[in-house]
C-alpha cells in the first residue's frame, strides 16, 4: 500500500481558507465602516438641517411674540381710545339734558310750589321742595308726566312742616330723564297696501 502525505495539502487549504476569511473579514469591515460613515454623515446632515429648522422656528417665534405684544398694546390703546370716545359721546349727548331738565322744571312747576333741591343720579332726578297744598304736588306730577324730557314721576314722601311761622308741606319725589324722540321716530310707520289678487 502506498502512503500519501496529505499534510502539506491540508496546510495549504487551511492557509487559503484563512486568507479567504481575512479577505472576507476585511470586505465586511470595509462595508461596515463605509455604511457607518454614510449613515453617520446622512444623520449628521439631517440633524444639522433639523437644528437649522429649529433655530429658524425659534427666531420666528420670537418675532411673533414681539408682534403679539405689539398687537396687545395696540388693542389696549384702541380700547382706551374707544372708552374715551364713548365718554365724550356720552357727555356730548347728556350736556343738553341739564338744560332741558331745568327748563322743564320751570315750565311745569305750578304756582305755590317752591323747590329746595334737585339731585341727579344717572337718569333719575330727586326733587325736594315745599308746597302750600298736596294737590299742587299732584299737579306737578301730572305736568312732569306730560313732558317729553321727563317720565315716571313718583312721590317718595310728603309731610307737614312749619317754616318761618307758615305751615307748609315738604315733599320729595323722583322723576326719570328721557331723551326726546327724533323726527324719524315720531313719524308713525307707513302701512303698506296689500294688493288683493
Protein backbone atom coordinates (compact mmCIF):
# COMPACT_ATOMS: atom_id res chain seq x y z
CA UNK A 1 0.00 0.00 0.00
CA UNK A 2 1.26 3.45 -0.95
CA UNK A 3 1.35 6.13 1.64
CA UNK A 4 0.47 9.67 0.56
CA UNK A 5 1.43 12.58 2.75
CA UNK A 6 -1.63 14.94 2.79
CA UNK A 7 -0.26 17.32 5.42
CA UNK A 8 1.09 19.94 3.01
CA UNK A 9 -2.17 19.89 1.05
CA UNK A 10 -4.20 20.38 4.21
CA UNK A 11 -1.84 23.10 5.33
CA UNK A 12 -2.27 24.96 2.03
CA UNK A 13 -6.00 24.54 2.15
CA UNK A 14 -6.09 25.93 5.70
CA UNK A 15 -3.99 28.91 4.60
CA UNK A 16 -6.31 29.59 1.66
CA UNK A 17 -9.34 29.43 3.96
CA UNK A 18 -7.65 31.78 6.40
CA UNK A 19 -6.76 34.16 3.58
CA UNK A 20 -10.29 33.91 2.25
CA UNK A 21 -11.63 34.53 5.79
CA UNK A 22 -9.39 37.57 6.28
CA UNK A 23 -10.29 38.95 2.86
CA UNK A 24 -13.98 38.49 3.62
CA UNK A 25 -13.44 39.96 7.07
CA UNK A 26 -11.69 42.97 5.51
CA UNK A 27 -14.53 43.39 3.00
CA UNK A 28 -17.15 43.17 5.77
CA UNK A 29 -15.19 45.62 7.94
CA UNK A 30 -14.79 47.98 4.95
CA UNK A 31 -18.50 47.68 4.11
CA UNK A 32 -19.42 48.20 7.77
CA UNK A 33 -17.15 51.25 8.03
CA UNK A 34 -18.49 52.64 4.76
CA UNK A 35 -22.09 52.02 5.85
CA UNK A 36 -21.41 53.59 9.25
CA UNK A 37 -19.76 56.59 7.61
CA UNK A 38 -22.63 57.05 5.11
CA UNK A 39 -25.32 56.66 7.80
CA UNK A 40 -23.40 58.91 10.20
CA UNK A 41 -22.95 61.58 7.51
CA UNK A 42 -26.61 61.32 6.48
CA UNK A 43 -27.85 61.55 10.07
CA UNK A 44 -25.45 64.40 10.81
CA UNK A 45 -26.77 66.29 7.79
CA UNK A 46 -30.35 65.60 8.83
CA UNK A 47 -29.58 66.70 12.39
CA UNK A 48 -27.91 69.87 11.15
CA UNK A 49 -30.86 70.54 8.86
CA UNK A 50 -33.32 69.97 11.71
CA UNK A 51 -31.28 72.21 14.01
CA UNK A 52 -31.38 74.88 11.32
CA UNK A 53 -35.17 74.49 11.09
CA UNK A 54 -35.48 74.64 14.88
CA UNK A 55 -33.35 77.79 15.00
CA UNK A 56 -35.44 79.36 12.25
CA UNK A 57 -38.65 78.43 14.07
CA UNK A 58 -37.32 79.85 17.35
CA UNK A 59 -36.39 83.11 15.61
CA UNK A 60 -39.85 83.27 14.02
CA UNK A 61 -41.48 82.51 17.38
CA UNK A 62 -39.52 85.37 18.97
CA UNK A 63 -40.67 87.68 16.13
CA UNK A 64 -44.29 86.53 16.54
CA UNK A 65 -44.10 87.04 20.31
CA UNK A 66 -42.93 90.62 19.71
CA UNK A 67 -45.73 91.16 17.19
CA UNK A 68 -48.27 89.68 19.64
CA UNK A 69 -47.04 92.07 22.33
CA UNK A 70 -47.39 94.97 19.90
CA UNK A 71 -50.90 93.80 18.96
CA UNK A 72 -51.84 93.57 22.66
CA UNK A 73 -50.54 97.09 23.22
CA UNK A 74 -52.47 98.32 20.16
CA UNK A 75 -55.64 96.58 21.41
CA UNK A 76 -55.22 98.18 24.84
CA UNK A 77 -54.67 101.59 23.25
CA UNK A 78 -57.68 101.04 20.98
CA UNK A 79 -59.85 100.01 23.93
CA UNK A 80 -58.69 103.07 25.90
CA UNK A 81 -59.43 105.34 22.94
CA UNK A 82 -62.85 103.76 22.43
CA UNK A 83 -63.62 104.21 26.14
CA UNK A 84 -62.60 107.87 25.92
CA UNK A 85 -64.66 108.30 22.77
CA UNK A 86 -67.67 106.74 24.48
CA UNK A 87 -67.27 109.04 27.48
CA UNK A 88 -67.00 112.08 25.19
CA UNK A 89 -70.06 110.97 23.20
CA UNK A 90 -72.00 110.40 26.43
CA UNK A 91 -71.00 113.83 27.73
CA UNK A 92 -71.95 115.44 24.43
CA UNK A 93 -75.27 113.62 24.41
CA UNK A 94 -76.03 114.41 28.05
CA UNK A 95 -74.90 118.03 28.23
CA UNK A 96 -78.24 119.29 26.94
CA UNK A 97 -80.18 117.13 29.44
CA UNK A 98 -79.47 119.51 32.34
CA UNK A 99 -80.71 122.44 30.29
CA UNK A 100 -83.86 120.54 29.34
CA UNK A 101 -84.36 119.41 32.93
CA UNK A 102 -84.17 122.92 34.37
CA UNK A 103 -86.27 124.32 31.53
CA UNK A 104 -88.96 121.67 32.05
CA UNK A 105 -88.99 122.13 35.82
CA UNK A 106 -89.53 125.88 35.36
CA UNK A 107 -92.24 125.33 32.75
CA UNK A 108 -94.08 122.53 34.60
CA UNK A 109 -93.85 123.99 38.11
CA UNK A 110 -97.33 125.11 39.24
CA UNK A 111 -97.87 128.18 41.46
CA UNK A 112 -97.47 127.54 45.15
CA UNK A 113 -94.56 125.09 44.86
CA UNK A 114 -91.01 126.09 45.81
CA UNK A 115 -88.05 123.87 45.04
CA UNK A 116 -85.47 123.28 47.76
CA UNK A 117 -83.07 120.94 45.95
CA UNK A 118 -82.51 118.95 42.76
CA UNK A 119 -80.13 115.98 42.61
CA UNK A 120 -79.41 113.87 39.53
CA UNK A 121 -78.09 110.31 39.74
CA UNK A 122 -77.80 108.73 36.31
CA UNK A 123 -81.21 109.06 34.66
CA UNK A 124 -83.05 109.62 37.94
CA UNK A 125 -83.63 113.09 39.40
CA UNK A 126 -84.65 113.62 43.03
CA UNK A 127 -86.64 116.81 43.65
CA UNK A 128 -87.16 118.31 47.13
CA UNK A 129 -89.45 121.24 47.75
CA UNK A 130 -92.27 122.92 49.64
CA UNK A 131 -95.89 123.31 48.67
CA UNK A 132 -98.91 125.04 50.11
CA UNK A 133 -101.18 122.07 49.38
CA UNK A 134 -100.81 118.44 48.44
CA UNK A 135 -102.99 118.94 45.38
CA UNK A 136 -100.28 121.10 43.83
CA UNK A 137 -97.84 118.18 44.12
CA UNK A 138 -100.32 116.04 42.15
CA UNK A 139 -100.49 118.78 39.53
CA UNK A 140 -96.70 118.89 39.37
CA UNK A 141 -96.57 115.12 38.87
CA UNK A 142 -99.13 115.29 36.03
CA UNK A 143 -97.19 118.15 34.41
CA UNK A 144 -93.92 116.23 34.65
CA UNK A 145 -95.57 113.12 33.17
CA UNK A 146 -96.70 115.15 30.13
CA UNK A 147 -93.17 116.48 29.48
CA UNK A 148 -91.23 114.94 26.60
CA UNK A 149 -87.97 115.12 28.58
CA UNK A 150 -89.25 113.68 31.89
CA UNK A 151 -91.05 110.45 32.73
CA UNK A 152 -92.37 108.30 35.56
CA UNK A 153 -92.62 110.81 38.42
CA UNK A 154 -93.06 109.07 41.76
CA UNK A 155 -93.74 110.68 45.12
CA UNK A 156 -91.45 109.40 47.85
CA UNK A 157 -92.60 111.43 50.82
CA UNK A 158 -94.78 114.37 51.75
CA UNK A 159 -95.02 115.74 55.30
CA UNK A 160 -96.28 118.82 57.07
CA UNK A 161 -93.63 121.25 58.36
CA UNK A 162 -93.61 124.71 59.90
CA UNK A 163 -91.28 127.11 58.10
CA UNK A 164 -90.94 130.71 59.34
CA UNK A 165 -94.26 130.52 61.13
CA UNK A 166 -96.01 129.23 57.98
CA UNK A 167 -97.39 125.74 57.74
CA UNK A 168 -96.20 124.05 54.54
CA UNK A 169 -95.87 120.55 53.11
CA UNK A 170 -92.37 119.30 52.36
CA UNK A 171 -92.17 116.73 49.56
CA UNK A 172 -89.59 114.50 47.90
CA UNK A 173 -90.13 112.90 44.51
CA UNK A 174 -88.20 111.09 41.83
CA UNK A 175 -88.54 111.60 38.12
CA UNK A 176 -86.75 109.92 35.20
CA UNK A 177 -84.93 111.70 32.40
CA UNK A 178 -85.69 110.64 28.87
CA UNK A 179 -84.36 111.68 25.51
CA UNK A 180 -86.94 113.08 23.11
CA UNK A 181 -87.65 111.03 20.02
CA UNK A 182 -86.06 112.17 16.80
CA UNK A 183 -88.24 113.31 13.92
CA UNK A 184 -87.89 109.90 12.23
CA UNK A 185 -89.03 108.10 15.38
CA UNK A 186 -92.01 110.45 15.88
CA UNK A 187 -93.49 109.64 12.46
CA UNK A 188 -95.92 106.71 12.56
CA UNK A 189 -94.92 103.77 10.38
CA UNK A 190 -96.41 103.89 6.91
CA UNK A 191 -98.80 100.99 6.36
CA UNK A 192 -98.08 99.07 3.18
CA UNK A 193 -101.05 98.46 0.94
CA UNK A 194 -101.64 94.79 0.27
CA UNK A 195 -102.79 94.12 -3.26
CA UNK A 196 -105.63 91.66 -3.40
CA UNK A 197 -105.38 89.27 -6.33
